Amino acid sequence: MSTKPEPDESGLCVHLDNWKEIKHPKARVCEECVKIGGRWLHLRTCQTCGATLCCDSSPARHASHHARTAGHPVAISAEPGERWAWCYEDEQMLEY
C-alpha cells in the first residue's frame, strides 16, 4: 500500500509545490469530446502535457480520467477569468 506524501511547510502537496510553469489552453474545447461528438460544461488544462479536457461535472469527465491514467496530477481551470490549479492525486486546490 502506498501513502501520499505529506504537504510541505507551505501546506501544498508536492505536485502543486513543484509546479513552476502555467500551460494555458490552446483552444477552448475538450479535445476528447470533440473526437466523440460529446459535450462539456467546464474545461481543465493538464499542466504536464497541455491537453484541455472536460471537468467532472461534464458527462465524460475526461480531465480526471486523464489525470488517473496518464499520471498527470495537476490541471488548471481553462475557464476565462478563473485562476486556480487542482491536484487530482491529492485533491488540493491552489489559487494563483
C-alpha atoms as a PDB file:
ATOM      1  CA  MET A   1       0.000   0.000   0.000  1.00  0.00           C
ATOM      2  CA  SER A   2       1.414   3.408  -0.970  1.00  0.00           C
ATOM      3  CA  THR A   3       0.961   6.555   1.052  1.00  0.00           C
ATOM      4  CA  LYS A   4       0.577  10.108  -0.189  1.00  0.00           C
ATOM      5  CA  PRO A   5       3.474  12.445   0.517  1.00  0.00           C
ATOM      6  CA  GLU A   6       2.744  14.951   3.259  1.00  0.00           C
ATOM      7  CA  PRO A   7       2.366  18.631   2.336  1.00  0.00           C
ATOM      8  CA  ASP A   8       5.490  20.694   2.923  1.00  0.00           C
ATOM      9  CA  GLU A   9       5.808  23.819   5.091  1.00  0.00           C
ATOM     10  CA  SER A  10       3.784  25.827   2.548  1.00  0.00           C
ATOM     11  CA  GLY A  11       0.839  23.483   3.091  1.00  0.00           C
ATOM     12  CA  LEU A  12       0.877  22.455  -0.586  1.00  0.00           C
ATOM     13  CA  CYS A  13       1.132  18.914  -1.846  1.00  0.00           C
ATOM     14  CA  VAL A  14       4.376  18.069  -3.628  1.00  0.00           C
ATOM     15  CA  HIS A  15       2.702  18.307  -7.061  1.00  0.00           C
ATOM     16  CA  LEU A  16       1.458  21.873  -6.593  1.00  0.00           C
ATOM     17  CA  ASP A  17       4.580  22.936  -4.713  1.00  0.00           C
ATOM     18  CA  ASN A  18       6.807  21.765  -7.595  1.00  0.00           C
ATOM     19  CA  TRP A  19       4.566  23.252 -10.312  1.00  0.00           C
ATOM     20  CA  LYS A  20       6.503  26.060 -11.999  1.00  0.00           C
ATOM     21  CA  GLU A  21       5.095  26.953 -15.426  1.00  0.00           C
ATOM     22  CA  ILE A  22       1.483  27.552 -16.415  1.00  0.00           C
ATOM     23  CA  LYS A  23       0.401  25.758 -19.592  1.00  0.00           C
ATOM     24  CA  HIS A  24      -2.563  27.696 -20.979  1.00  0.00           C
ATOM     25  CA  PRO A  25      -5.243  26.083 -23.179  1.00  0.00           C
ATOM     26  CA  LYS A  26      -4.545  26.090 -26.905  1.00  0.00           C
ATOM     27  CA  ALA A  27      -8.278  26.015 -27.659  1.00  0.00           C
ATOM     28  CA  ARG A  28     -11.420  26.240 -25.536  1.00  0.00           C
ATOM     29  CA  VAL A  29     -12.720  22.771 -26.389  1.00  0.00           C
ATOM     30  CA  CYS A  30     -12.433  19.348 -24.790  1.00  0.00           C
ATOM     31  CA  GLU A  31     -10.063  17.524 -27.122  1.00  0.00           C
ATOM     32  CA  GLU A  32     -11.652  14.131 -26.368  1.00  0.00           C
ATOM     33  CA  CYS A  33     -15.287  15.294 -26.543  1.00  0.00           C
ATOM     34  CA  VAL A  34     -14.604  16.775 -29.990  1.00  0.00           C
ATOM     35  CA  LYS A  35     -13.425  13.326 -31.168  1.00  0.00           C
ATOM     36  CA  ILE A  36     -16.593  11.566 -29.986  1.00  0.00           C
ATOM     37  CA  GLY A  37     -19.135  14.335 -30.531  1.00  0.00           C
ATOM     38  CA  GLY A  38     -19.582  14.794 -26.791  1.00  0.00           C
ATOM     39  CA  ARG A  39     -20.397  17.894 -24.781  1.00  0.00           C
ATOM     40  CA  TRP A  40     -18.752  19.558 -21.814  1.00  0.00           C
ATOM     41  CA  LEU A  41     -19.562  22.102 -19.113  1.00  0.00           C
ATOM     42  CA  HIS A  42     -16.143  23.384 -17.983  1.00  0.00           C
ATOM     43  CA  LEU A  43     -12.599  22.828 -19.168  1.00  0.00           C
ATOM     44  CA  ARG A  44      -9.323  21.974 -17.429  1.00  0.00           C
ATOM     45  CA  THR A  45      -5.809  22.099 -18.912  1.00  0.00           C
ATOM     46  CA  CYS A  46      -3.275  19.456 -17.874  1.00  0.00           C
ATOM     47  CA  GLN A  47      -0.102  21.041 -16.583  1.00  0.00           C
ATOM     48  CA  THR A  48       2.080  18.117 -17.631  1.00  0.00           C
ATOM     49  CA  CYS A  49       1.147  17.753 -21.299  1.00  0.00           C
ATOM     50  CA  GLY A  50      -1.129  20.738 -22.042  1.00  0.00           C
ATOM     51  CA  ALA A  51      -4.230  18.715 -23.007  1.00  0.00           C
ATOM     52  CA  THR A  52      -7.500  20.594 -22.470  1.00  0.00           C
ATOM     53  CA  LEU A  53     -10.281  18.297 -21.298  1.00  0.00           C
ATOM     54  CA  CYS A  54     -13.704  18.418 -19.647  1.00  0.00           C
ATOM     55  CA  CYS A  55     -14.339  18.636 -15.893  1.00  0.00           C
ATOM     56  CA  ASP A  56     -16.057  16.156 -13.563  1.00  0.00           C
ATOM     57  CA  SER A  57     -19.386  17.988 -13.976  1.00  0.00           C
ATOM     58  CA  SER A  58     -19.281  17.056 -17.666  1.00  0.00           C
ATOM     59  CA  PRO A  59     -20.692  13.689 -18.780  1.00  0.00           C
ATOM     60  CA  ALA A  60     -17.366  12.125 -19.851  1.00  0.00           C
ATOM     61  CA  ARG A  61     -15.095  13.522 -17.094  1.00  0.00           C
ATOM     62  CA  HIS A  62     -12.098  13.426 -19.405  1.00  0.00           C
ATOM     63  CA  ALA A  63      -9.761  15.578 -17.247  1.00  0.00           C
ATOM     64  CA  SER A  64      -9.884  13.374 -14.153  1.00  0.00           C
ATOM     65  CA  HIS A  65      -9.682  10.217 -16.278  1.00  0.00           C
ATOM     66  CA  HIS A  66      -6.579  11.667 -17.956  1.00  0.00           C
ATOM     67  CA  ALA A  67      -5.031  12.536 -14.579  1.00  0.00           C
ATOM     68  CA  ARG A  68      -5.514   8.948 -13.333  1.00  0.00           C
ATOM     69  CA  THR A  69      -4.454   7.068 -16.454  1.00  0.00           C
ATOM     70  CA  ALA A  70      -1.609   9.338 -17.604  1.00  0.00           C
ATOM     71  CA  GLY A  71      -0.318  10.088 -14.114  1.00  0.00           C
ATOM     72  CA  HIS A  72      -0.574  13.837 -14.720  1.00  0.00           C
ATOM     73  CA  PRO A  73      -1.908  15.167 -11.390  1.00  0.00           C
ATOM     74  CA  VAL A  74      -2.165  18.957 -11.862  1.00  0.00           C
ATOM     75  CA  ALA A  75      -4.627  20.835 -14.069  1.00  0.00           C
ATOM     76  CA  ILE A  76      -5.736  24.446 -14.194  1.00  0.00           C
ATOM     77  CA  SER A  77      -9.159  25.815 -14.924  1.00  0.00           C
ATOM     78  CA  ALA A  78      -9.322  26.730 -18.608  1.00  0.00           C
ATOM     79  CA  GLU A  79     -12.318  28.968 -17.967  1.00  0.00           C
ATOM     80  CA  PRO A  80     -11.826  32.693 -18.677  1.00  0.00           C
ATOM     81  CA  GLY A  81     -11.236  34.683 -15.502  1.00  0.00           C
ATOM     82  CA  GLU A  82     -10.552  31.650 -13.296  1.00  0.00           C
ATOM     83  CA  ARG A  83      -7.051  31.338 -11.842  1.00  0.00           C
ATOM     84  CA  TRP A  84      -6.690  28.122  -9.908  1.00  0.00           C
ATOM     85  CA  ALA A  85      -4.932  24.778 -10.137  1.00  0.00           C
ATOM     86  CA  TRP A  86      -6.161  21.411  -8.863  1.00  0.00           C
ATOM     87  CA  CYS A  87      -4.148  18.363  -7.900  1.00  0.00           C
ATOM     88  CA  TYR A  88      -6.264  15.318  -8.717  1.00  0.00           C
ATOM     89  CA  GLU A  89      -3.970  12.982  -6.782  1.00  0.00           C
ATOM     90  CA  ASP A  90      -4.021  14.906  -3.511  1.00  0.00           C
ATOM     91  CA  GLU A  91      -7.379  16.685  -4.012  1.00  0.00           C
ATOM     92  CA  GLN A  92      -5.862  20.067  -3.277  1.00  0.00           C
ATOM     93  CA  MET A  93      -6.508  23.480  -4.853  1.00  0.00           C
ATOM     94  CA  LEU A  94      -4.180  26.435  -5.324  1.00  0.00           C
ATOM     95  CA  GLU A  95      -5.389  29.881  -6.331  1.00  0.00           C
ATOM     96  CA  TYR A  96      -2.780  31.847  -8.262  1.00  0.00           C
END
